[in-house]
Each structure stands twice: as structure tokens, then as C-alpha cells.
């Protein structure tokens, strides 16, 4: 379902960055978008943080300013190479999010930004289970991703973006209640905030 624009956005970093900057205008700019999911979370220098599906490190950049123990994980070797060049203060692991090579209870915070909409339903379930596993008791999983707009005025913009750059999995996420999925996995305290007319959601879920 994806158009030729999708592979271009992955192949050329400048193209991807431009798309991201334009899309982020709806929430006040790229810097604010990259830190939306981190609002309200206490991250100290000793906090162990996993930036899941870190890409080229756009959020890792902010995480390493708060913690000295940041790990970025991505399945793409190109993304890992870019992240290492962009944010050398973090450690990086090339692996799939649905089968993370980490010990159980290793991280106090797991973050992911605009990545879950890339996953097939079965993958999504595995990833949420893995996140729960690698979190410490009381740890927080924080994410930002697409959401079905609550304001009809935001539907045209979101639909155009999805048609141009995404696949059917992004549309499937719009019909998925992530809070319910997280409860099924075992998360107890779940908070959801909506932005950009409801077209973006931030969820922070705590492991009991």
C-alpha cells in the first residue's frame, strides 16, 4: 500500500528529517514532538533507559542529556550507524523489538516514538510483552504514536500523510486500543494524553 515516497524517506536522511519537521508542526515543532512522551517522567543520571526502535537517534539525543545509561535498539543496521554517529554517548544494539537481547528487569524506562504503527498485530503483541519483560518493577513504558483523530478537522492531514508514507499497519493502529493491549500484557497504571486534534497519542504505562 505504501508509495514510492516511503522508501525515499528511509533512504535519504534529509528527506526523512524534512517530513518529520513538517509533521511535527501540529504539536509545536520537532523538538517538542521528540520530547512529548518524556514529559512527566523522572530520568536521573543513573536511570537505565532503552530507546526502542531508536532510528537515527532523534530522541536518544534528549535522553543522553538526562541519563548516563541510555541504550538504543533498532533492527536496521543503517539506523544504528546513523545513531552512533549522531549520538555517540549512548550504547546501541541491533536487534528486533519483538525479541530483545536483554535480561528481564533491566531498564527503568523504555521509550519508543512513532514506531509501533510499523508493526503487524502479532508483532505488536510480542513487542508489548517484551517491553513488560525488560522493565524493572515500577518501570515506565512511554510512547507516542498515531491515534484516530477526535477532531474531524485533523482527519484530512493525517489520512494524506498515511497514504503517502505509511502502510496498512498504520491504519490498523488507528483501530487499536493500545491502553487495553497494555493492560492485557500486565501494565497496571496507564495514562493517555492526546495531541493535534487527537491524531497523536502519548501513553505512559507503569509496570506493577
N, C-alpha and C. Protein backbone atom coordinates (compact mmCIF):
# COMPACT_ATOMS: atom_id res chain seq x y z
N UNK A 1 0.81 -1.20 0.00
CA UNK A 1 0.00 0.00 0.00
C UNK A 1 0.86 1.26 0.00
N UNK A 2 2.14 1.14 0.43
CA UNK A 2 2.99 2.32 0.52
C UNK A 2 3.38 2.84 -0.86
N UNK A 3 3.60 4.13 -0.98
CA UNK A 3 4.00 4.74 -2.23
C UNK A 3 5.52 4.77 -2.32
N UNK A 4 6.03 5.27 -3.44
CA UNK A 4 7.47 5.39 -3.64
C UNK A 4 8.10 6.38 -2.65
N UNK A 5 7.29 7.22 -2.01
CA UNK A 5 7.83 8.18 -1.06
C UNK A 5 8.34 7.52 0.21
N UNK A 6 7.75 6.40 0.58
CA UNK A 6 8.16 5.72 1.81
C UNK A 6 9.62 5.27 1.76
N UNK A 7 10.04 4.48 0.75
CA UNK A 7 11.46 4.10 0.72
C UNK A 7 12.41 5.28 0.61
N UNK A 8 11.97 6.35 -0.07
CA UNK A 8 12.81 7.53 -0.17
C UNK A 8 13.06 8.15 1.21
N UNK A 9 12.01 8.13 2.05
CA UNK A 9 12.14 8.73 3.37
C UNK A 9 13.11 7.94 4.25
N UNK A 10 13.27 6.64 3.97
CA UNK A 10 14.22 5.83 4.73
C UNK A 10 15.63 5.91 4.14
N UNK A 11 15.70 6.09 2.84
CA UNK A 11 17.00 6.09 2.16
C UNK A 11 17.75 7.39 2.37
N UNK A 12 17.01 8.49 2.36
CA UNK A 12 17.65 9.80 2.45
C UNK A 12 17.27 10.48 3.78
N UNK A 13 18.27 10.66 4.63
CA UNK A 13 18.02 11.22 5.94
C UNK A 13 17.44 12.63 5.87
N UNK A 14 17.93 13.44 4.91
CA UNK A 14 17.44 14.82 4.79
C UNK A 14 15.95 14.84 4.44
N UNK A 15 15.51 13.85 3.63
CA UNK A 15 14.10 13.78 3.25
C UNK A 15 13.25 13.40 4.45
N UNK A 16 13.72 12.40 5.20
CA UNK A 16 13.01 11.97 6.41
C UNK A 16 12.93 13.09 7.43
N UNK A 17 14.04 13.79 7.62
CA UNK A 17 14.06 14.88 8.59
C UNK A 17 13.09 15.99 8.19
N UNK A 18 13.02 16.28 6.90
CA UNK A 18 12.11 17.30 6.41
C UNK A 18 10.66 16.94 6.64
N UNK A 19 10.32 15.67 6.36
CA UNK A 19 8.97 15.19 6.59
C UNK A 19 8.61 15.29 8.07
N UNK A 20 9.54 14.85 8.92
CA UNK A 20 9.30 14.87 10.36
C UNK A 20 9.07 16.28 10.87
N UNK A 21 9.87 17.22 10.37
CA UNK A 21 9.75 18.61 10.82
C UNK A 21 8.40 19.20 10.44
N UNK A 22 7.93 18.89 9.23
CA UNK A 22 6.63 19.40 8.79
C UNK A 22 5.50 18.79 9.61
N UNK A 23 5.56 17.47 9.81
CA UNK A 23 4.51 16.78 10.55
C UNK A 23 4.46 17.25 12.01
N UNK A 24 5.62 17.60 12.56
CA UNK A 24 5.69 18.00 13.97
C UNK A 24 5.14 19.39 14.24
N UNK A 25 4.90 20.14 13.20
CA UNK A 25 4.36 21.49 13.39
C UNK A 25 3.03 21.46 14.12
N UNK A 26 2.28 20.36 13.97
CA UNK A 26 0.96 20.25 14.60
C UNK A 26 1.04 20.24 16.12
N UNK A 27 2.22 19.93 16.67
CA UNK A 27 2.36 19.91 18.13
C UNK A 27 3.37 20.94 18.62
N UNK A 28 3.74 21.88 17.76
CA UNK A 28 4.62 22.95 18.19
C UNK A 28 6.06 22.82 17.77
N UNK A 29 6.34 21.93 16.83
CA UNK A 29 7.71 21.79 16.33
C UNK A 29 8.34 20.47 16.68
N UNK A 30 9.43 20.16 15.99
CA UNK A 30 10.05 18.84 16.13
C UNK A 30 10.63 18.61 17.52
N UNK A 31 11.25 19.64 18.10
CA UNK A 31 11.84 19.47 19.42
C UNK A 31 10.77 19.07 20.44
N UNK A 32 9.63 19.72 20.39
CA UNK A 32 8.56 19.39 21.33
C UNK A 32 8.00 18.00 21.04
N UNK A 33 7.85 17.67 19.75
CA UNK A 33 7.35 16.34 19.41
C UNK A 33 8.26 15.25 19.95
N UNK A 34 9.56 15.43 19.77
CA UNK A 34 10.50 14.40 20.21
C UNK A 34 10.49 14.19 21.71
N UNK A 35 10.04 15.21 22.46
CA UNK A 35 10.05 15.10 23.92
C UNK A 35 8.66 14.92 24.53
N UNK A 36 7.63 14.80 23.67
CA UNK A 36 6.26 14.66 24.18
C UNK A 36 6.13 13.49 25.15
N UNK A 37 6.67 12.35 24.78
CA UNK A 37 6.50 11.15 25.59
C UNK A 37 7.34 11.16 26.85
N UNK A 38 8.28 12.12 26.95
CA UNK A 38 9.15 12.19 28.12
C UNK A 38 8.62 13.12 29.19
N UNK A 39 7.55 13.86 28.90
CA UNK A 39 7.01 14.80 29.86
C UNK A 39 6.46 14.08 31.09
N UNK A 40 6.86 14.57 32.26
CA UNK A 40 6.36 13.99 33.50
C UNK A 40 7.13 12.79 33.98
N UNK A 41 8.16 12.37 33.25
CA UNK A 41 8.95 11.20 33.65
C UNK A 41 10.26 11.67 34.27
N UNK A 42 10.59 11.13 35.43
CA UNK A 42 11.84 11.47 36.10
C UNK A 42 12.95 10.58 35.58
N UNK A 43 13.95 11.19 34.96
CA UNK A 43 15.11 10.45 34.46
C UNK A 43 16.34 11.09 35.07
N UNK A 44 17.05 10.33 35.89
CA UNK A 44 18.25 10.80 36.57
C UNK A 44 19.49 10.26 35.85
N UNK A 45 20.68 10.75 36.18
CA UNK A 45 21.89 10.26 35.52
C UNK A 45 22.07 8.75 35.61
N UNK A 46 21.59 8.15 36.70
CA UNK A 46 21.77 6.71 36.87
C UNK A 46 20.62 5.87 36.32
N UNK A 47 19.58 6.51 35.78
CA UNK A 47 18.42 5.78 35.27
C UNK A 47 18.77 4.99 34.01
N UNK A 48 18.43 3.72 34.01
CA UNK A 48 18.67 2.88 32.84
C UNK A 48 17.51 3.06 31.86
N UNK A 49 17.82 3.52 30.65
CA UNK A 49 16.80 3.88 29.66
C UNK A 49 17.03 3.12 28.36
N UNK A 50 15.96 2.60 27.80
CA UNK A 50 16.01 1.96 26.50
C UNK A 50 15.21 2.79 25.51
N UNK A 51 15.87 3.24 24.45
CA UNK A 51 15.20 3.92 23.35
C UNK A 51 14.89 2.88 22.29
N UNK A 52 13.68 2.39 22.31
CA UNK A 52 13.27 1.25 21.47
C UNK A 52 12.92 1.73 20.07
N UNK A 53 13.46 1.03 19.06
CA UNK A 53 13.30 1.46 17.66
C UNK A 53 13.81 2.89 17.53
N UNK A 54 15.06 3.08 17.91
CA UNK A 54 15.62 4.42 18.09
C UNK A 54 15.87 5.15 16.78
N UNK A 55 15.89 4.44 15.65
CA UNK A 55 16.19 5.09 14.39
C UNK A 55 17.55 5.75 14.43
N UNK A 56 17.65 6.95 13.85
CA UNK A 56 18.92 7.67 13.82
C UNK A 56 19.21 8.43 15.11
N UNK A 57 18.38 8.24 16.11
CA UNK A 57 18.62 8.83 17.43
C UNK A 57 18.02 10.18 17.69
N UNK A 58 16.88 10.55 17.07
CA UNK A 58 16.32 11.88 17.33
C UNK A 58 15.87 12.09 18.77
N UNK A 59 15.41 11.03 19.44
CA UNK A 59 15.03 11.16 20.85
C UNK A 59 16.19 10.76 21.75
N UNK A 60 17.05 9.87 21.29
CA UNK A 60 18.24 9.50 22.05
C UNK A 60 19.05 10.73 22.40
N UNK A 61 19.04 11.71 21.49
CA UNK A 61 19.75 12.97 21.71
C UNK A 61 19.31 13.64 23.01
N UNK A 62 18.02 13.59 23.30
CA UNK A 62 17.50 14.21 24.51
C UNK A 62 17.70 13.30 25.72
N UNK A 63 17.61 12.01 25.53
CA UNK A 63 17.74 11.07 26.65
C UNK A 63 19.14 11.11 27.25
N UNK A 64 20.17 11.22 26.42
CA UNK A 64 21.54 11.20 26.95
C UNK A 64 21.86 12.48 27.72
N UNK A 65 21.05 13.51 27.57
CA UNK A 65 21.24 14.72 28.36
C UNK A 65 20.76 14.54 29.80
N UNK A 66 19.97 13.48 30.02
CA UNK A 66 19.42 13.23 31.34
C UNK A 66 20.03 12.01 32.01
N UNK A 67 20.35 11.00 31.22
CA UNK A 67 20.85 9.75 31.77
C UNK A 67 22.20 9.38 31.17
N UNK A 68 23.04 8.74 31.98
CA UNK A 68 24.32 8.24 31.51
C UNK A 68 24.24 6.77 31.11
N UNK A 69 23.02 6.22 31.15
CA UNK A 69 22.85 4.79 30.86
C UNK A 69 21.73 4.60 29.84
N UNK A 70 21.96 5.09 28.64
CA UNK A 70 20.96 5.01 27.57
C UNK A 70 21.40 3.98 26.54
N UNK A 71 20.47 3.10 26.20
CA UNK A 71 20.69 2.10 25.15
C UNK A 71 19.69 2.32 24.04
N UNK A 72 20.16 2.36 22.81
CA UNK A 72 19.28 2.44 21.66
C UNK A 72 19.21 1.11 20.95
N UNK A 73 18.01 0.69 20.61
CA UNK A 73 17.83 -0.57 19.88
C UNK A 73 17.09 -0.31 18.58
N UNK A 74 17.57 -0.91 17.49
CA UNK A 74 16.88 -0.83 16.21
C UNK A 74 17.27 -2.05 15.38
N UNK A 75 16.34 -2.47 14.51
CA UNK A 75 16.61 -3.64 13.66
C UNK A 75 17.39 -3.26 12.41
N UNK A 76 17.49 -1.98 12.11
CA UNK A 76 18.16 -1.52 10.89
C UNK A 76 19.62 -1.19 11.16
N UNK A 77 20.55 -1.86 10.47
CA UNK A 77 21.97 -1.50 10.66
C UNK A 77 22.27 -0.08 10.21
N UNK A 78 21.57 0.41 9.20
CA UNK A 78 21.78 1.78 8.75
C UNK A 78 21.36 2.78 9.83
N UNK A 79 20.21 2.49 10.47
CA UNK A 79 19.74 3.36 11.55
C UNK A 79 20.74 3.36 12.71
N UNK A 80 21.24 2.19 13.07
CA UNK A 80 22.20 2.10 14.16
C UNK A 80 23.46 2.88 13.84
N UNK A 81 23.94 2.77 12.61
CA UNK A 81 25.15 3.51 12.21
C UNK A 81 24.92 5.01 12.30
N UNK A 82 23.75 5.47 11.88
CA UNK A 82 23.45 6.89 11.96
C UNK A 82 23.34 7.35 13.41
N UNK A 83 22.69 6.53 14.23
CA UNK A 83 22.53 6.88 15.64
C UNK A 83 23.89 6.96 16.33
N UNK A 84 24.78 6.02 16.04
CA UNK A 84 26.11 6.04 16.64
C UNK A 84 26.88 7.29 16.26
N UNK A 85 26.68 7.73 15.01
CA UNK A 85 27.35 8.94 14.56
C UNK A 85 26.72 10.20 15.17
N UNK A 86 25.40 10.18 15.30
CA UNK A 86 24.68 11.35 15.80
C UNK A 86 24.75 11.50 17.31
N UNK A 87 24.66 10.36 18.01
CA UNK A 87 24.61 10.39 19.48
C UNK A 87 25.56 9.33 20.04
N UNK A 88 26.85 9.57 20.01
CA UNK A 88 27.82 8.56 20.44
C UNK A 88 27.82 8.30 21.95
N UNK A 89 27.10 9.13 22.72
CA UNK A 89 27.09 8.93 24.18
C UNK A 89 26.29 7.71 24.60
N UNK A 90 25.42 7.20 23.73
CA UNK A 90 24.59 6.04 24.07
C UNK A 90 25.24 4.76 23.57
N UNK A 91 24.76 3.65 24.10
CA UNK A 91 25.14 2.33 23.59
C UNK A 91 24.05 1.86 22.64
N UNK A 92 24.41 1.02 21.67
CA UNK A 92 23.44 0.60 20.66
C UNK A 92 23.48 -0.91 20.45
N UNK A 93 22.28 -1.42 20.16
CA UNK A 93 22.11 -2.84 19.91
C UNK A 93 21.27 -3.01 18.65
N UNK A 94 21.75 -3.81 17.72
CA UNK A 94 20.98 -4.12 16.51
C UNK A 94 20.18 -5.39 16.76
N UNK A 95 18.88 -5.26 16.88
CA UNK A 95 18.04 -6.41 17.19
C UNK A 95 16.58 -6.07 16.91
N UNK A 96 15.74 -7.08 16.86
CA UNK A 96 14.31 -6.88 16.65
C UNK A 96 13.64 -6.58 17.99
N UNK A 97 12.68 -5.67 17.94
CA UNK A 97 11.99 -5.25 19.16
C UNK A 97 11.17 -6.38 19.77
N UNK A 98 10.72 -7.33 18.92
CA UNK A 98 9.91 -8.42 19.45
C UNK A 98 10.74 -9.54 20.07
N UNK A 99 12.08 -9.43 20.01
CA UNK A 99 12.95 -10.43 20.64
C UNK A 99 14.21 -9.71 21.11
N UNK A 100 14.08 -8.97 22.18
CA UNK A 100 15.18 -8.13 22.65
C UNK A 100 16.22 -8.95 23.43
N UNK A 101 17.50 -8.73 23.15
CA UNK A 101 18.57 -9.50 23.81
C UNK A 101 18.98 -8.90 25.16
N UNK A 102 17.98 -8.66 26.00
CA UNK A 102 18.25 -8.07 27.30
C UNK A 102 17.71 -8.97 28.41
N UNK A 103 18.29 -8.82 29.58
CA UNK A 103 17.79 -9.56 30.73
C UNK A 103 16.46 -8.98 31.19
N UNK A 104 15.66 -9.78 31.83
CA UNK A 104 14.39 -9.30 32.38
C UNK A 104 14.68 -8.27 33.47
N UNK A 105 13.86 -7.22 33.52
CA UNK A 105 14.00 -6.20 34.55
C UNK A 105 15.25 -5.35 34.43
N UNK A 106 15.72 -5.11 33.20
CA UNK A 106 16.99 -4.40 33.02
C UNK A 106 16.84 -2.88 32.98
N UNK A 107 15.66 -2.37 32.58
CA UNK A 107 15.50 -0.93 32.36
C UNK A 107 14.44 -0.32 33.26
N UNK A 108 14.69 0.92 33.67
CA UNK A 108 13.71 1.66 34.46
C UNK A 108 12.73 2.40 33.56
N UNK A 109 13.18 2.75 32.36
CA UNK A 109 12.34 3.45 31.39
C UNK A 109 12.56 2.85 30.01
N UNK A 110 11.46 2.56 29.31
CA UNK A 110 11.52 2.17 27.91
C UNK A 110 10.72 3.19 27.12
N UNK A 111 11.33 3.76 26.12
CA UNK A 111 10.68 4.78 25.29
C UNK A 111 10.62 4.32 23.84
N UNK A 112 9.54 4.65 23.15
CA UNK A 112 9.51 4.46 21.70
C UNK A 112 8.67 5.56 21.07
N UNK A 113 9.12 6.03 19.92
CA UNK A 113 8.49 7.17 19.25
C UNK A 113 8.13 6.81 17.81
N UNK A 114 6.83 6.88 17.52
CA UNK A 114 6.34 6.68 16.15
C UNK A 114 6.91 5.43 15.51
N UNK A 115 6.86 4.33 16.24
CA UNK A 115 7.38 3.06 15.74
C UNK A 115 6.34 1.94 15.75
N UNK A 116 5.44 1.95 16.71
CA UNK A 116 4.50 0.84 16.85
C UNK A 116 3.56 0.73 15.65
N UNK A 117 3.32 1.85 14.97
CA UNK A 117 2.43 1.79 13.80
C UNK A 117 3.07 1.05 12.63
N UNK A 118 4.35 0.73 12.74
CA UNK A 118 5.04 -0.03 11.70
C UNK A 118 4.82 -1.53 11.85
N UNK A 119 4.24 -1.96 12.95
CA UNK A 119 4.21 -3.38 13.29
C UNK A 119 2.89 -4.05 12.93
N UNK A 120 3.00 -5.29 12.46
CA UNK A 120 1.82 -6.13 12.28
C UNK A 120 1.24 -6.46 13.65
N UNK A 121 -0.07 -6.77 13.72
CA UNK A 121 -0.69 -7.03 15.03
C UNK A 121 0.04 -8.06 15.88
N UNK A 122 0.49 -9.16 15.28
CA UNK A 122 1.19 -10.19 16.05
C UNK A 122 2.52 -9.65 16.58
N UNK A 123 3.22 -8.87 15.75
CA UNK A 123 4.47 -8.25 16.19
C UNK A 123 4.21 -7.31 17.36
N UNK A 124 3.17 -6.52 17.24
CA UNK A 124 2.85 -5.54 18.28
C UNK A 124 2.64 -6.24 19.62
N UNK A 125 1.90 -7.34 19.62
CA UNK A 125 1.67 -8.07 20.86
C UNK A 125 2.97 -8.57 21.46
N UNK A 126 3.86 -9.09 20.61
CA UNK A 126 5.15 -9.59 21.09
C UNK A 126 6.00 -8.46 21.65
N UNK A 127 5.98 -7.32 20.99
CA UNK A 127 6.79 -6.18 21.45
C UNK A 127 6.32 -5.68 22.80
N UNK A 128 5.02 -5.54 22.97
CA UNK A 128 4.49 -5.08 24.26
C UNK A 128 4.85 -6.05 25.38
N UNK A 129 4.82 -7.34 25.09
CA UNK A 129 5.20 -8.34 26.09
C UNK A 129 6.69 -8.24 26.43
N UNK A 130 7.50 -8.00 25.40
CA UNK A 130 8.93 -7.86 25.61
C UNK A 130 9.25 -6.60 26.42
N UNK A 131 8.55 -5.52 26.13
CA UNK A 131 8.75 -4.28 26.90
C UNK A 131 8.45 -4.54 28.37
N UNK A 132 7.36 -5.22 28.63
CA UNK A 132 6.99 -5.52 30.02
C UNK A 132 8.08 -6.38 30.68
N UNK A 133 8.62 -7.30 29.93
CA UNK A 133 9.64 -8.20 30.48
C UNK A 133 10.92 -7.45 30.85
N UNK A 134 11.39 -6.57 29.98
CA UNK A 134 12.69 -5.93 30.22
C UNK A 134 12.60 -4.75 31.20
N UNK A 135 11.38 -4.33 31.53
CA UNK A 135 11.22 -3.26 32.51
C UNK A 135 11.39 -3.78 33.94
N UNK A 136 11.97 -2.93 34.78
CA UNK A 136 12.03 -3.23 36.20
C UNK A 136 10.65 -3.06 36.81
N UNK A 137 10.36 -3.71 37.93
CA UNK A 137 9.10 -3.43 38.65
C UNK A 137 9.01 -1.95 38.97
N UNK A 138 7.88 -1.34 38.62
CA UNK A 138 7.72 0.09 38.81
C UNK A 138 8.25 0.91 37.65
N UNK A 139 8.84 0.24 36.65
CA UNK A 139 9.38 0.94 35.49
C UNK A 139 8.27 1.47 34.59
N UNK A 140 8.64 2.41 33.72
CA UNK A 140 7.66 3.10 32.88
C UNK A 140 7.95 2.85 31.40
N UNK A 141 6.89 2.50 30.68
CA UNK A 141 6.93 2.43 29.22
C UNK A 141 6.22 3.67 28.69
N UNK A 142 6.91 4.47 27.91
CA UNK A 142 6.33 5.70 27.40
C UNK A 142 6.44 5.72 25.88
N UNK A 143 5.37 6.12 25.21
CA UNK A 143 5.34 6.06 23.75
C UNK A 143 4.52 7.21 23.18
N UNK A 144 4.81 7.55 21.93
CA UNK A 144 4.00 8.47 21.16
C UNK A 144 3.79 7.85 19.78
N UNK A 145 2.55 7.91 19.32
CA UNK A 145 2.24 7.34 18.00
C UNK A 145 0.90 7.88 17.52
N UNK A 146 0.50 7.41 16.34
CA UNK A 146 -0.75 7.87 15.75
C UNK A 146 -1.95 7.44 16.58
N UNK A 147 -3.03 8.20 16.41
CA UNK A 147 -4.29 7.90 17.07
C UNK A 147 -5.41 8.40 16.16
N UNK A 148 -6.53 7.76 16.20
CA UNK A 148 -7.67 8.19 15.40
C UNK A 148 -8.12 9.57 15.87
N UNK A 149 -8.12 10.60 15.01
CA UNK A 149 -8.42 11.96 15.45
C UNK A 149 -9.79 12.08 16.11
N UNK A 150 -9.83 12.85 17.18
CA UNK A 150 -11.10 13.15 17.83
C UNK A 150 -11.71 14.42 17.25
N UNK A 151 -10.87 15.24 16.60
CA UNK A 151 -11.32 16.44 15.90
C UNK A 151 -11.35 16.15 14.40
N UNK A 152 -12.52 16.14 13.77
CA UNK A 152 -12.61 15.79 12.34
C UNK A 152 -11.73 16.65 11.44
N UNK A 153 -11.38 17.85 11.87
CA UNK A 153 -10.56 18.74 11.05
C UNK A 153 -9.16 18.19 10.82
N UNK A 154 -8.73 17.26 11.68
CA UNK A 154 -7.39 16.70 11.55
C UNK A 154 -7.34 15.43 10.70
N UNK A 155 -8.51 14.93 10.31
CA UNK A 155 -8.52 13.70 9.50
C UNK A 155 -7.86 13.87 8.14
N UNK A 156 -8.14 14.93 7.38
CA UNK A 156 -7.52 15.04 6.05
C UNK A 156 -6.00 15.03 6.07
N UNK A 157 -5.42 15.77 7.01
CA UNK A 157 -3.96 15.82 7.10
C UNK A 157 -3.36 14.48 7.48
N UNK A 158 -3.96 13.82 8.48
CA UNK A 158 -3.45 12.52 8.89
C UNK A 158 -3.61 11.49 7.78
N UNK A 159 -4.78 11.46 7.15
CA UNK A 159 -5.03 10.48 6.10
C UNK A 159 -4.06 10.67 4.93
N UNK A 160 -3.80 11.92 4.57
CA UNK A 160 -2.86 12.19 3.48
C UNK A 160 -1.46 11.70 3.83
N UNK A 161 -1.04 11.98 5.05
CA UNK A 161 0.28 11.53 5.50
C UNK A 161 0.38 10.01 5.46
N UNK A 162 -0.63 9.32 5.95
CA UNK A 162 -0.59 7.86 5.99
C UNK A 162 -0.59 7.28 4.58
N UNK A 163 -1.39 7.85 3.69
CA UNK A 163 -1.45 7.36 2.32
C UNK A 163 -0.12 7.54 1.60
N UNK A 164 0.58 8.62 1.90
CA UNK A 164 1.83 8.91 1.19
C UNK A 164 3.03 8.15 1.75
N UNK A 165 3.06 7.95 3.07
CA UNK A 165 4.28 7.47 3.69
C UNK A 165 4.16 6.17 4.50
N UNK A 166 2.95 5.70 4.76
CA UNK A 166 2.81 4.56 5.65
C UNK A 166 2.18 3.37 4.94
N UNK A 167 2.04 2.27 5.66
CA UNK A 167 1.42 1.05 5.13
C UNK A 167 0.13 0.77 5.90
N UNK A 168 -0.44 -0.39 5.63
CA UNK A 168 -1.72 -0.73 6.26
C UNK A 168 -1.60 -0.86 7.78
N UNK A 169 -0.38 -1.10 8.28
CA UNK A 169 -0.23 -1.26 9.73
C UNK A 169 -0.53 0.04 10.47
N UNK A 170 -0.26 1.18 9.84
CA UNK A 170 -0.57 2.46 10.48
C UNK A 170 -2.08 2.63 10.60
N UNK A 171 -2.81 2.24 9.56
CA UNK A 171 -4.27 2.31 9.62
C UNK A 171 -4.82 1.34 10.67
N UNK A 172 -4.16 0.19 10.80
CA UNK A 172 -4.60 -0.78 11.81
C UNK A 172 -4.42 -0.23 13.22
N UNK A 173 -3.33 0.54 13.42
CA UNK A 173 -3.09 1.10 14.76
C UNK A 173 -4.20 2.07 15.14
N UNK A 174 -4.74 2.79 14.16
CA UNK A 174 -5.83 3.73 14.45
C UNK A 174 -7.04 3.02 15.04
N UNK A 175 -7.18 1.73 14.74
CA UNK A 175 -8.31 0.95 15.25
C UNK A 175 -7.94 0.12 16.48
N UNK A 176 -6.70 0.32 16.97
CA UNK A 176 -6.20 -0.46 18.10
C UNK A 176 -6.23 0.37 19.37
N UNK A 177 -6.78 -0.19 20.42
CA UNK A 177 -6.76 0.46 21.72
C UNK A 177 -5.50 0.01 22.46
N UNK A 178 -4.46 0.83 22.36
CA UNK A 178 -3.18 0.45 22.96
C UNK A 178 -3.25 0.33 24.47
N UNK A 179 -4.08 1.14 25.10
CA UNK A 179 -4.22 1.05 26.55
C UNK A 179 -4.75 -0.31 26.96
N UNK A 180 -5.73 -0.82 26.23
CA UNK A 180 -6.26 -2.15 26.51
C UNK A 180 -5.21 -3.22 26.28
N UNK A 181 -4.43 -3.08 25.22
CA UNK A 181 -3.38 -4.05 24.92
C UNK A 181 -2.34 -4.07 26.05
N UNK A 182 -2.01 -2.90 26.56
CA UNK A 182 -1.03 -2.82 27.64
C UNK A 182 -1.57 -3.44 28.92
N UNK A 183 -2.85 -3.26 29.19
CA UNK A 183 -3.45 -3.90 30.37
C UNK A 183 -3.42 -5.41 30.24
N UNK A 184 -3.66 -5.90 29.05
CA UNK A 184 -3.63 -7.35 28.81
C UNK A 184 -2.25 -7.93 29.09
N UNK A 185 -1.22 -7.16 28.74
CA UNK A 185 0.16 -7.60 28.96
C UNK A 185 0.49 -7.63 30.44
N UNK A 186 -0.12 -6.73 31.23
CA UNK A 186 0.14 -6.72 32.66
C UNK A 186 0.37 -5.35 33.27
N UNK A 187 0.45 -4.31 32.44
CA UNK A 187 0.63 -2.96 32.97
C UNK A 187 -0.60 -2.54 33.78
N UNK A 188 -0.37 -1.86 34.88
CA UNK A 188 -1.46 -1.50 35.79
C UNK A 188 -1.88 -0.04 35.68
N UNK A 189 -0.91 0.86 35.79
CA UNK A 189 -1.20 2.28 35.75
C UNK A 189 -0.92 2.81 34.36
N UNK A 190 -1.96 3.25 33.68
CA UNK A 190 -1.83 3.68 32.29
C UNK A 190 -2.46 5.06 32.13
N UNK A 191 -1.68 6.00 31.61
CA UNK A 191 -2.17 7.36 31.36
C UNK A 191 -2.03 7.66 29.87
N UNK A 192 -3.07 8.23 29.29
CA UNK A 192 -3.06 8.59 27.87
C UNK A 192 -3.36 10.07 27.70
N UNK A 193 -2.58 10.74 26.86
CA UNK A 193 -2.83 12.13 26.50
C UNK A 193 -2.90 12.23 24.98
N UNK A 194 -3.81 13.05 24.48
CA UNK A 194 -3.98 13.22 23.05
C UNK A 194 -3.53 14.62 22.62
N UNK A 195 -2.95 14.69 21.43
CA UNK A 195 -2.47 15.94 20.86
C UNK A 195 -2.90 16.05 19.40
N UNK A 196 -2.77 17.26 18.85
CA UNK A 196 -3.05 17.52 17.44
C UNK A 196 -4.43 16.99 17.05
N UNK A 197 -5.43 17.47 17.78
CA UNK A 197 -6.80 17.06 17.48
C UNK A 197 -7.05 15.58 17.67
N UNK A 198 -6.26 14.96 18.53
CA UNK A 198 -6.42 13.54 18.79
C UNK A 198 -5.68 12.65 17.82
N UNK A 199 -4.93 13.22 16.87
CA UNK A 199 -4.24 12.40 15.87
C UNK A 199 -2.93 11.82 16.38
N UNK A 200 -2.48 12.29 17.54
CA UNK A 200 -1.31 11.73 18.20
C UNK A 200 -1.67 11.36 19.63
N UNK A 201 -1.13 10.25 20.10
CA UNK A 201 -1.35 9.84 21.47
C UNK A 201 -0.02 9.62 22.17
N UNK A 202 0.03 10.02 23.42
CA UNK A 202 1.14 9.70 24.31
C UNK A 202 0.57 8.79 25.40
N UNK A 203 1.20 7.65 25.58
CA UNK A 203 0.79 6.73 26.64
C UNK A 203 1.98 6.46 27.54
N UNK A 204 1.75 6.55 28.84
CA UNK A 204 2.75 6.18 29.84
C UNK A 204 2.15 5.10 30.72
N UNK A 205 2.79 3.93 30.70
CA UNK A 205 2.27 2.77 31.42
C UNK A 205 3.33 2.29 32.41
N UNK A 206 2.91 2.03 33.64
CA UNK A 206 3.84 1.61 34.68
C UNK A 206 3.68 0.12 34.98
N UNK A 207 4.81 -0.56 35.10
CA UNK A 207 4.80 -1.97 35.43
C UNK A 207 4.59 -2.14 36.93
N UNK A 208 3.62 -2.95 37.29
CA UNK A 208 3.31 -3.14 38.69
C UNK A 208 4.34 -3.96 39.43
